[in-house]
Amino acid sequence: MSKLTASIGWNILAHKTDDVSDIGVRIYQKPESNEIYALRRKKVPPMCKENENPDATW
């Protein structure tokens, strides 16, 4: 998951791991605009098609 979020330009805002269960939670921040995606060296994962809403949630 970390590779995916890094490849689409999302930043980690917070990361917390439980000491007992070792289960972790991360909060990610999506970039304010979609312009950052054009700057990616690798085009993986591919961008949304023109007729799709790039700001729609998964």
N, C-alpha and C. Protein backbone atom coordinates (compact mmCIF):
# COMPACT_ATOMS: atom_id res chain seq x y z
N MET A 1 0.82 -1.20 0.00
CA MET A 1 0.00 0.00 0.00
C MET A 1 0.86 1.25 0.00
N SER A 2 1.99 1.21 0.68
CA SER A 2 2.87 2.38 0.74
C SER A 2 3.42 2.74 -0.63
N LYS A 3 3.75 1.73 -1.43
CA LYS A 3 4.26 2.00 -2.79
C LYS A 3 3.19 2.64 -3.65
N LEU A 4 1.95 2.16 -3.52
CA LEU A 4 0.85 2.72 -4.30
C LEU A 4 0.62 4.18 -3.95
N THR A 5 0.51 4.48 -2.67
CA THR A 5 0.23 5.85 -2.27
C THR A 5 1.38 6.79 -2.63
N ALA A 6 2.61 6.30 -2.55
CA ALA A 6 3.75 7.13 -2.96
C ALA A 6 3.73 7.36 -4.47
N SER A 7 3.33 6.35 -5.24
CA SER A 7 3.32 6.49 -6.70
C SER A 7 2.26 7.45 -7.19
N ILE A 8 1.23 7.69 -6.40
CA ILE A 8 0.19 8.65 -6.81
C ILE A 8 0.32 9.98 -6.09
N GLY A 9 1.41 10.16 -5.35
CA GLY A 9 1.72 11.46 -4.78
C GLY A 9 1.04 11.80 -3.48
N TRP A 10 0.50 10.83 -2.76
CA TRP A 10 -0.14 11.11 -1.48
C TRP A 10 0.91 11.16 -0.39
N ASN A 11 0.69 12.00 0.61
CA ASN A 11 1.61 12.15 1.75
C ASN A 11 1.02 11.51 2.99
N ILE A 12 1.89 10.96 3.84
CA ILE A 12 1.45 10.42 5.12
C ILE A 12 1.38 11.57 6.12
N LEU A 13 0.20 11.81 6.68
CA LEU A 13 0.04 12.86 7.68
C LEU A 13 0.27 12.33 9.08
N ALA A 14 -0.16 11.10 9.34
CA ALA A 14 -0.01 10.52 10.67
C ALA A 14 0.14 9.02 10.55
N HIS A 15 0.92 8.43 11.46
CA HIS A 15 1.11 6.99 11.50
C HIS A 15 1.18 6.57 12.96
N LYS A 16 0.33 5.64 13.33
CA LYS A 16 0.29 5.15 14.71
C LYS A 16 0.20 3.63 14.69
N THR A 17 1.05 2.97 15.47
CA THR A 17 1.02 1.52 15.61
C THR A 17 0.74 1.17 17.06
N ASP A 18 -0.19 0.25 17.26
CA ASP A 18 -0.54 -0.21 18.59
C ASP A 18 0.60 -1.07 19.14
N ASP A 19 1.02 -0.81 20.37
CA ASP A 19 2.15 -1.53 20.97
C ASP A 19 1.83 -3.00 21.25
N VAL A 20 0.58 -3.30 21.56
CA VAL A 20 0.21 -4.67 21.93
C VAL A 20 -0.06 -5.53 20.70
N SER A 21 -0.94 -5.06 19.82
CA SER A 21 -1.35 -5.88 18.68
C SER A 21 -0.49 -5.66 17.45
N ASP A 22 0.33 -4.61 17.44
CA ASP A 22 1.19 -4.26 16.30
C ASP A 22 0.39 -3.92 15.04
N ILE A 23 -0.86 -3.52 15.22
CA ILE A 23 -1.70 -3.08 14.11
C ILE A 23 -1.49 -1.59 13.93
N GLY A 24 -1.30 -1.16 12.69
CA GLY A 24 -1.04 0.24 12.43
C GLY A 24 -2.13 0.94 11.64
N VAL A 25 -2.18 2.24 11.79
CA VAL A 25 -3.12 3.09 11.06
C VAL A 25 -2.33 4.26 10.49
N ARG A 26 -2.58 4.57 9.23
CA ARG A 26 -1.96 5.74 8.59
C ARG A 26 -3.05 6.62 8.01
N ILE A 27 -2.83 7.90 8.09
CA ILE A 27 -3.73 8.88 7.49
C ILE A 27 -2.97 9.54 6.35
N TYR A 28 -3.56 9.48 5.15
CA TYR A 28 -2.93 10.02 3.96
C TYR A 28 -3.61 11.30 3.51
N GLN A 29 -2.85 12.16 2.85
CA GLN A 29 -3.38 13.41 2.29
C GLN A 29 -3.22 13.37 0.78
N LYS A 30 -4.33 13.56 0.09
CA LYS A 30 -4.32 13.64 -1.36
C LYS A 30 -3.85 15.05 -1.75
N PRO A 31 -3.08 15.19 -2.84
CA PRO A 31 -2.65 16.52 -3.27
C PRO A 31 -3.84 17.44 -3.56
N GLU A 32 -3.64 18.73 -3.39
CA GLU A 32 -4.72 19.70 -3.60
C GLU A 32 -5.19 19.75 -5.05
N SER A 33 -4.27 19.53 -5.98
CA SER A 33 -4.66 19.53 -7.39
C SER A 33 -4.11 18.27 -8.06
N ASN A 34 -4.62 17.98 -9.23
CA ASN A 34 -4.18 16.80 -9.97
C ASN A 34 -2.95 17.06 -10.83
N GLU A 35 -2.40 18.26 -10.79
CA GLU A 35 -1.24 18.61 -11.61
C GLU A 35 -0.01 17.79 -11.26
N ILE A 36 0.12 17.35 -10.02
CA ILE A 36 1.29 16.59 -9.60
C ILE A 36 1.42 15.26 -10.36
N TYR A 37 0.28 14.72 -10.80
CA TYR A 37 0.31 13.44 -11.48
C TYR A 37 1.04 13.51 -12.82
N ALA A 38 1.00 14.64 -13.48
CA ALA A 38 1.70 14.80 -14.76
C ALA A 38 3.21 14.77 -14.58
N LEU A 39 3.70 15.03 -13.37
CA LEU A 39 5.13 15.08 -13.10
C LEU A 39 5.73 13.71 -12.77
N ARG A 40 4.90 12.69 -12.65
CA ARG A 40 5.40 11.36 -12.29
C ARG A 40 6.29 10.80 -13.39
N ARG A 41 7.42 10.20 -12.99
CA ARG A 41 8.31 9.56 -13.97
C ARG A 41 7.66 8.30 -14.54
N LYS A 42 7.18 7.45 -13.64
CA LYS A 42 6.49 6.24 -14.07
C LYS A 42 5.00 6.56 -14.12
N LYS A 43 4.35 6.11 -15.13
CA LYS A 43 2.91 6.38 -15.30
C LYS A 43 2.08 5.21 -14.77
N VAL A 44 2.52 4.65 -13.64
CA VAL A 44 1.82 3.53 -13.02
C VAL A 44 1.48 3.91 -11.61
N PRO A 45 0.26 3.80 -11.16
CA PRO A 45 -0.92 3.38 -11.89
C PRO A 45 -1.36 4.43 -12.89
N PRO A 46 -2.09 4.02 -13.92
CA PRO A 46 -2.51 4.97 -14.95
C PRO A 46 -3.51 5.99 -14.42
N MET A 47 -3.60 7.09 -15.10
CA MET A 47 -4.55 8.14 -14.72
C MET A 47 -5.96 7.76 -15.13
N CYS A 48 -6.92 8.46 -14.57
CA CYS A 48 -8.32 8.26 -14.94
C CYS A 48 -8.53 8.68 -16.39
N LYS A 49 -9.53 8.11 -17.00
CA LYS A 49 -9.88 8.51 -18.36
C LYS A 49 -10.53 9.88 -18.31
N GLU A 50 -10.59 10.56 -19.44
CA GLU A 50 -11.13 11.91 -19.52
C GLU A 50 -12.59 11.98 -19.05
N ASN A 51 -13.36 10.92 -19.28
CA ASN A 51 -14.78 10.96 -18.92
C ASN A 51 -15.03 10.55 -17.47
N GLU A 52 -13.97 10.24 -16.70
CA GLU A 52 -14.10 9.86 -15.30
C GLU A 52 -13.76 11.04 -14.40
N ASN A 53 -14.36 11.08 -13.23
CA ASN A 53 -14.10 12.15 -12.28
C ASN A 53 -12.86 11.80 -11.46
N PRO A 54 -11.75 12.52 -11.62
CA PRO A 54 -10.53 12.20 -10.88
C PRO A 54 -10.64 12.45 -9.39
N ASP A 55 -11.63 13.22 -8.95
CA ASP A 55 -11.80 13.52 -7.55
C ASP A 55 -12.81 12.61 -6.86
N ALA A 56 -13.36 11.65 -7.59
CA ALA A 56 -14.32 10.72 -6.99
C ALA A 56 -13.57 9.78 -6.05
N THR A 57 -14.23 9.37 -5.00
CA THR A 57 -13.61 8.42 -4.08
C THR A 57 -13.64 7.03 -4.68
N TRP A 58 -12.75 6.18 -4.15
CA TRP A 58 -12.72 4.81 -4.65
C TRP A 58 -13.86 4.09 -4.04
